[in-house]
């Protein structure tokens, strides 16, 4: 299969999914799932903090914004690493199913 860009035809290759039973791929999948869970937790913490009267724990201004960002990230990371949300496990549980469907 090729795709034409301008006057040049560029061959398109489709990468086949790699099985997750390989240790290095499993580790990459776990890391990506952990990062996703952390980012979801950050969004959740930001949402909760915006509902506070005044909109933050540390006040306004540049300093307050910096401390708020750091506190949000630290809390989200702690929630995600502690396994309290369970998103990482759900993602990793779905990957073998997606792998079978993709092959």
N, C-alpha and C. Protein backbone atom coordinates (compact mmCIF):
# COMPACT_ATOMS: atom_id res chain seq x y z
N UNK A 1 0.85 -1.16 0.00
CA UNK A 1 0.00 0.00 0.00
C UNK A 1 0.90 1.23 0.00
N UNK A 2 0.55 2.23 -0.78
CA UNK A 2 1.33 3.46 -0.82
C UNK A 2 0.41 4.65 -0.65
N UNK A 3 0.99 5.72 -0.15
CA UNK A 3 0.27 6.96 0.00
C UNK A 3 1.02 8.01 -0.79
N UNK A 4 0.30 8.80 -1.56
CA UNK A 4 0.93 9.82 -2.38
C UNK A 4 0.94 11.14 -1.63
N UNK A 5 2.11 11.67 -1.42
CA UNK A 5 2.28 12.96 -0.79
C UNK A 5 2.99 13.85 -1.80
N UNK A 6 2.29 14.85 -2.29
CA UNK A 6 2.86 15.67 -3.35
C UNK A 6 3.02 14.82 -4.59
N UNK A 7 4.25 14.76 -5.12
CA UNK A 7 4.54 13.98 -6.31
C UNK A 7 5.25 12.67 -5.98
N UNK A 8 5.45 12.39 -4.68
CA UNK A 8 6.19 11.22 -4.27
C UNK A 8 5.26 10.20 -3.62
N UNK A 9 5.37 8.96 -4.04
CA UNK A 9 4.61 7.88 -3.42
C UNK A 9 5.45 7.28 -2.30
N UNK A 10 4.88 7.23 -1.11
CA UNK A 10 5.60 6.71 0.05
C UNK A 10 4.94 5.40 0.46
N UNK A 11 5.72 4.31 0.53
CA UNK A 11 5.11 3.04 0.94
C UNK A 11 4.72 3.09 2.42
N UNK A 12 3.52 2.59 2.70
CA UNK A 12 3.04 2.53 4.07
C UNK A 12 3.22 1.12 4.60
N UNK A 13 3.76 1.01 5.78
CA UNK A 13 3.90 -0.30 6.39
C UNK A 13 3.08 -0.34 7.66
N UNK A 14 2.45 -1.44 7.90
CA UNK A 14 1.65 -1.63 9.11
C UNK A 14 2.43 -2.53 10.04
N UNK A 15 2.70 -2.02 11.23
CA UNK A 15 3.42 -2.80 12.22
C UNK A 15 2.46 -3.77 12.90
N UNK A 16 2.85 -5.01 12.96
CA UNK A 16 2.03 -6.01 13.64
C UNK A 16 2.21 -5.85 15.15
N UNK A 17 1.13 -6.03 15.93
CA UNK A 17 1.26 -5.92 17.38
C UNK A 17 2.18 -7.01 17.92
N UNK A 18 2.99 -6.63 18.88
CA UNK A 18 3.92 -7.56 19.50
C UNK A 18 3.26 -8.18 20.72
N UNK A 19 3.46 -9.47 20.95
CA UNK A 19 2.85 -10.08 22.13
C UNK A 19 3.41 -9.51 23.43
N UNK A 20 2.54 -9.34 24.41
CA UNK A 20 2.96 -8.72 25.68
C UNK A 20 3.62 -9.70 26.63
N UNK A 21 3.76 -10.96 26.23
CA UNK A 21 4.42 -11.89 27.14
C UNK A 21 5.93 -11.67 27.15
N UNK A 22 6.44 -10.87 26.21
CA UNK A 22 7.86 -10.53 26.25
C UNK A 22 8.08 -9.54 27.39
N UNK A 23 9.07 -9.77 28.24
CA UNK A 23 9.25 -8.94 29.44
C UNK A 23 9.44 -7.45 29.14
N UNK A 24 10.20 -7.11 28.11
CA UNK A 24 10.43 -5.69 27.84
C UNK A 24 9.16 -4.99 27.37
N UNK A 25 8.33 -5.67 26.60
CA UNK A 25 7.07 -5.08 26.15
C UNK A 25 6.08 -4.98 27.30
N UNK A 26 6.10 -5.95 28.17
CA UNK A 26 5.21 -5.91 29.34
C UNK A 26 5.60 -4.73 30.24
N UNK A 27 6.90 -4.51 30.43
CA UNK A 27 7.37 -3.40 31.25
C UNK A 27 6.97 -2.06 30.63
N UNK A 28 7.09 -1.96 29.30
CA UNK A 28 6.69 -0.72 28.62
C UNK A 28 5.19 -0.48 28.77
N UNK A 29 4.41 -1.55 28.65
CA UNK A 29 2.96 -1.43 28.80
C UNK A 29 2.60 -1.00 30.22
N UNK A 30 3.29 -1.57 31.21
CA UNK A 30 3.03 -1.19 32.61
C UNK A 30 3.38 0.27 32.86
N UNK A 31 4.50 0.71 32.29
CA UNK A 31 4.91 2.11 32.46
C UNK A 31 3.90 3.05 31.81
N UNK A 32 3.46 2.72 30.60
CA UNK A 32 2.48 3.56 29.91
C UNK A 32 1.15 3.59 30.66
N UNK A 33 0.73 2.45 31.18
CA UNK A 33 -0.52 2.40 31.95
C UNK A 33 -0.40 3.21 33.22
N UNK A 34 0.77 3.16 33.87
CA UNK A 34 1.00 3.94 35.09
C UNK A 34 0.95 5.44 34.77
N UNK A 35 1.58 5.85 33.67
CA UNK A 35 1.57 7.25 33.27
C UNK A 35 0.16 7.72 32.96
N UNK A 36 -0.62 6.88 32.28
CA UNK A 36 -1.99 7.23 31.96
C UNK A 36 -2.81 7.40 33.23
N UNK A 37 -2.63 6.47 34.17
CA UNK A 37 -3.37 6.56 35.43
C UNK A 37 -2.99 7.83 36.19
N UNK A 38 -1.71 8.19 36.17
CA UNK A 38 -1.27 9.41 36.83
C UNK A 38 -1.90 10.64 36.19
N UNK A 39 -1.93 10.68 34.86
CA UNK A 39 -2.52 11.83 34.17
C UNK A 39 -4.02 11.94 34.46
N UNK A 40 -4.70 10.81 34.52
CA UNK A 40 -6.13 10.83 34.87
C UNK A 40 -6.31 11.32 36.31
N UNK A 41 -5.43 10.91 37.18
CA UNK A 41 -5.51 11.34 38.59
C UNK A 41 -5.25 12.84 38.70
N UNK A 42 -4.32 13.37 37.90
CA UNK A 42 -4.04 14.81 37.91
C UNK A 42 -5.30 15.57 37.51
N UNK A 43 -5.97 15.12 36.46
CA UNK A 43 -7.19 15.78 36.02
C UNK A 43 -8.27 15.72 37.11
N UNK A 44 -8.36 14.59 37.79
CA UNK A 44 -9.34 14.43 38.85
C UNK A 44 -9.03 15.38 40.02
N UNK A 45 -7.76 15.45 40.41
CA UNK A 45 -7.36 16.31 41.52
C UNK A 45 -7.58 17.79 41.16
N UNK A 46 -7.24 18.17 39.93
CA UNK A 46 -7.47 19.55 39.49
C UNK A 46 -8.95 19.90 39.55
N UNK A 47 -9.77 18.98 39.13
CA UNK A 47 -11.22 19.19 39.15
C UNK A 47 -11.71 19.37 40.58
N UNK A 48 -11.23 18.52 41.47
CA UNK A 48 -11.65 18.63 42.88
C UNK A 48 -11.17 19.95 43.47
N UNK A 49 -9.94 20.34 43.15
CA UNK A 49 -9.39 21.56 43.74
C UNK A 49 -10.11 22.80 43.21
N UNK A 50 -10.54 22.76 41.97
CA UNK A 50 -11.23 23.93 41.41
C UNK A 50 -12.58 24.14 42.08
N UNK A 51 -13.11 23.10 42.74
CA UNK A 51 -14.39 23.25 43.43
C UNK A 51 -14.24 23.90 44.80
N UNK A 52 -13.00 24.08 45.26
CA UNK A 52 -12.77 24.72 46.55
C UNK A 52 -13.14 26.20 46.48
N UNK A 53 -13.57 26.74 47.60
CA UNK A 53 -13.83 28.16 47.66
C UNK A 53 -12.51 28.89 47.45
N UNK A 54 -12.44 29.75 46.50
CA UNK A 54 -11.18 30.43 46.17
C UNK A 54 -10.41 29.70 45.09
N UNK A 55 -10.77 28.47 44.80
CA UNK A 55 -10.18 27.74 43.68
C UNK A 55 -8.84 27.08 43.93
N UNK A 56 -8.25 27.23 45.12
CA UNK A 56 -6.97 26.56 45.35
C UNK A 56 -6.65 26.49 46.84
N UNK A 57 -5.71 25.60 47.15
CA UNK A 57 -5.26 25.46 48.54
C UNK A 57 -4.23 26.50 48.92
N UNK A 58 -3.46 26.97 47.94
CA UNK A 58 -2.30 27.82 48.23
C UNK A 58 -2.47 29.27 47.79
N UNK A 59 -3.68 29.67 47.50
CA UNK A 59 -3.92 31.05 47.12
C UNK A 59 -3.64 31.30 45.65
N UNK A 60 -3.72 32.56 45.28
CA UNK A 60 -3.53 32.94 43.88
C UNK A 60 -2.12 33.40 43.60
N UNK A 61 -1.94 33.97 42.44
CA UNK A 61 -0.64 34.47 42.03
C UNK A 61 0.24 33.38 41.49
N UNK A 62 1.43 33.79 41.07
CA UNK A 62 2.38 32.86 40.46
C UNK A 62 2.82 31.80 41.46
N UNK A 63 3.15 32.22 42.67
CA UNK A 63 3.61 31.28 43.69
C UNK A 63 2.52 30.26 44.03
N UNK A 64 1.30 30.74 44.19
CA UNK A 64 0.18 29.84 44.47
C UNK A 64 -0.04 28.84 43.34
N UNK A 65 0.09 29.32 42.09
CA UNK A 65 -0.06 28.43 40.93
C UNK A 65 1.01 27.34 40.93
N UNK A 66 2.23 27.73 41.24
CA UNK A 66 3.34 26.76 41.27
C UNK A 66 3.10 25.71 42.35
N UNK A 67 2.78 26.17 43.57
CA UNK A 67 2.54 25.23 44.66
C UNK A 67 1.31 24.36 44.40
N UNK A 68 0.27 24.94 43.81
CA UNK A 68 -0.91 24.15 43.47
C UNK A 68 -0.56 23.05 42.48
N UNK A 69 0.20 23.41 41.44
CA UNK A 69 0.60 22.42 40.44
C UNK A 69 1.41 21.29 41.04
N UNK A 70 2.36 21.65 41.90
CA UNK A 70 3.20 20.63 42.55
C UNK A 70 2.38 19.73 43.47
N UNK A 71 1.48 20.34 44.24
CA UNK A 71 0.65 19.57 45.16
C UNK A 71 -0.30 18.64 44.40
N UNK A 72 -0.89 19.16 43.31
CA UNK A 72 -1.79 18.33 42.51
C UNK A 72 -1.05 17.13 41.94
N UNK A 73 0.14 17.39 41.38
CA UNK A 73 0.91 16.31 40.77
C UNK A 73 1.32 15.27 41.81
N UNK A 74 1.78 15.73 42.97
CA UNK A 74 2.23 14.80 44.01
C UNK A 74 1.07 13.95 44.53
N UNK A 75 -0.06 14.57 44.76
CA UNK A 75 -1.23 13.83 45.22
C UNK A 75 -1.68 12.81 44.17
N UNK A 76 -1.71 13.23 42.92
CA UNK A 76 -2.12 12.33 41.83
C UNK A 76 -1.15 11.16 41.70
N UNK A 77 0.14 11.45 41.79
CA UNK A 77 1.15 10.39 41.69
C UNK A 77 1.00 9.39 42.84
N UNK A 78 0.75 9.89 44.03
CA UNK A 78 0.57 9.03 45.20
C UNK A 78 -0.67 8.15 45.03
N UNK A 79 -1.76 8.74 44.55
CA UNK A 79 -2.97 7.95 44.31
C UNK A 79 -2.72 6.87 43.26
N UNK A 80 -2.06 7.23 42.18
CA UNK A 80 -1.82 6.28 41.09
C UNK A 80 -0.85 5.18 41.50
N UNK A 81 0.23 5.53 42.16
CA UNK A 81 1.22 4.52 42.55
C UNK A 81 0.70 3.59 43.63
N UNK A 82 -0.20 4.09 44.45
CA UNK A 82 -0.76 3.26 45.51
C UNK A 82 -1.79 2.26 45.01
N UNK A 83 -2.15 2.38 43.74
CA UNK A 83 -3.13 1.46 43.17
C UNK A 83 -4.54 1.73 43.65
N UNK A 84 -4.79 2.93 44.14
CA UNK A 84 -6.09 3.25 44.70
C UNK A 84 -7.15 3.48 43.63
N UNK A 85 -6.74 3.78 42.42
CA UNK A 85 -7.71 4.04 41.36
C UNK A 85 -8.02 2.80 40.54
N UNK A 86 -7.04 1.94 40.33
CA UNK A 86 -7.26 0.70 39.62
C UNK A 86 -7.26 0.81 38.10
N UNK A 87 -6.96 1.98 37.55
CA UNK A 87 -6.96 2.13 36.10
C UNK A 87 -5.86 1.31 35.43
N UNK A 88 -4.69 1.33 36.04
CA UNK A 88 -3.55 0.60 35.47
C UNK A 88 -3.88 -0.89 35.33
N UNK A 89 -4.45 -1.46 36.38
CA UNK A 89 -4.80 -2.88 36.34
C UNK A 89 -5.84 -3.17 35.27
N UNK A 90 -6.82 -2.28 35.14
CA UNK A 90 -7.85 -2.46 34.12
C UNK A 90 -7.26 -2.40 32.71
N UNK A 91 -6.36 -1.47 32.49
CA UNK A 91 -5.71 -1.34 31.18
C UNK A 91 -4.90 -2.59 30.88
N UNK A 92 -4.08 -3.03 31.84
CA UNK A 92 -3.24 -4.20 31.62
C UNK A 92 -4.08 -5.47 31.44
N UNK A 93 -5.22 -5.52 32.08
CA UNK A 93 -6.11 -6.68 31.93
C UNK A 93 -6.72 -6.72 30.52
N UNK A 94 -6.94 -5.56 29.92
CA UNK A 94 -7.56 -5.49 28.59
C UNK A 94 -6.56 -5.73 27.46
N UNK A 95 -5.28 -5.52 27.70
CA UNK A 95 -4.29 -5.63 26.63
C UNK A 95 -4.22 -7.02 25.99
N UNK A 96 -4.22 -8.12 26.74
CA UNK A 96 -4.20 -9.43 26.05
C UNK A 96 -5.43 -9.65 25.18
N UNK A 97 -6.59 -9.16 25.58
CA UNK A 97 -7.79 -9.28 24.76
C UNK A 97 -7.64 -8.49 23.47
N UNK A 98 -7.12 -7.27 23.58
CA UNK A 98 -6.90 -6.44 22.39
C UNK A 98 -5.86 -7.06 21.48
N UNK A 99 -4.86 -7.69 22.08
CA UNK A 99 -3.80 -8.34 21.31
C UNK A 99 -4.36 -9.50 20.50
N UNK A 100 -5.23 -10.30 21.11
CA UNK A 100 -5.83 -11.44 20.41
C UNK A 100 -6.73 -10.97 19.28
N UNK A 101 -7.50 -9.90 19.52
CA UNK A 101 -8.40 -9.37 18.51
C UNK A 101 -7.63 -8.76 17.33
N UNK A 102 -6.46 -8.19 17.63
CA UNK A 102 -5.65 -7.53 16.60
C UNK A 102 -4.90 -8.48 15.71
N UNK A 103 -4.70 -9.73 16.15
CA UNK A 103 -3.92 -10.66 15.32
C UNK A 103 -4.77 -11.56 14.49
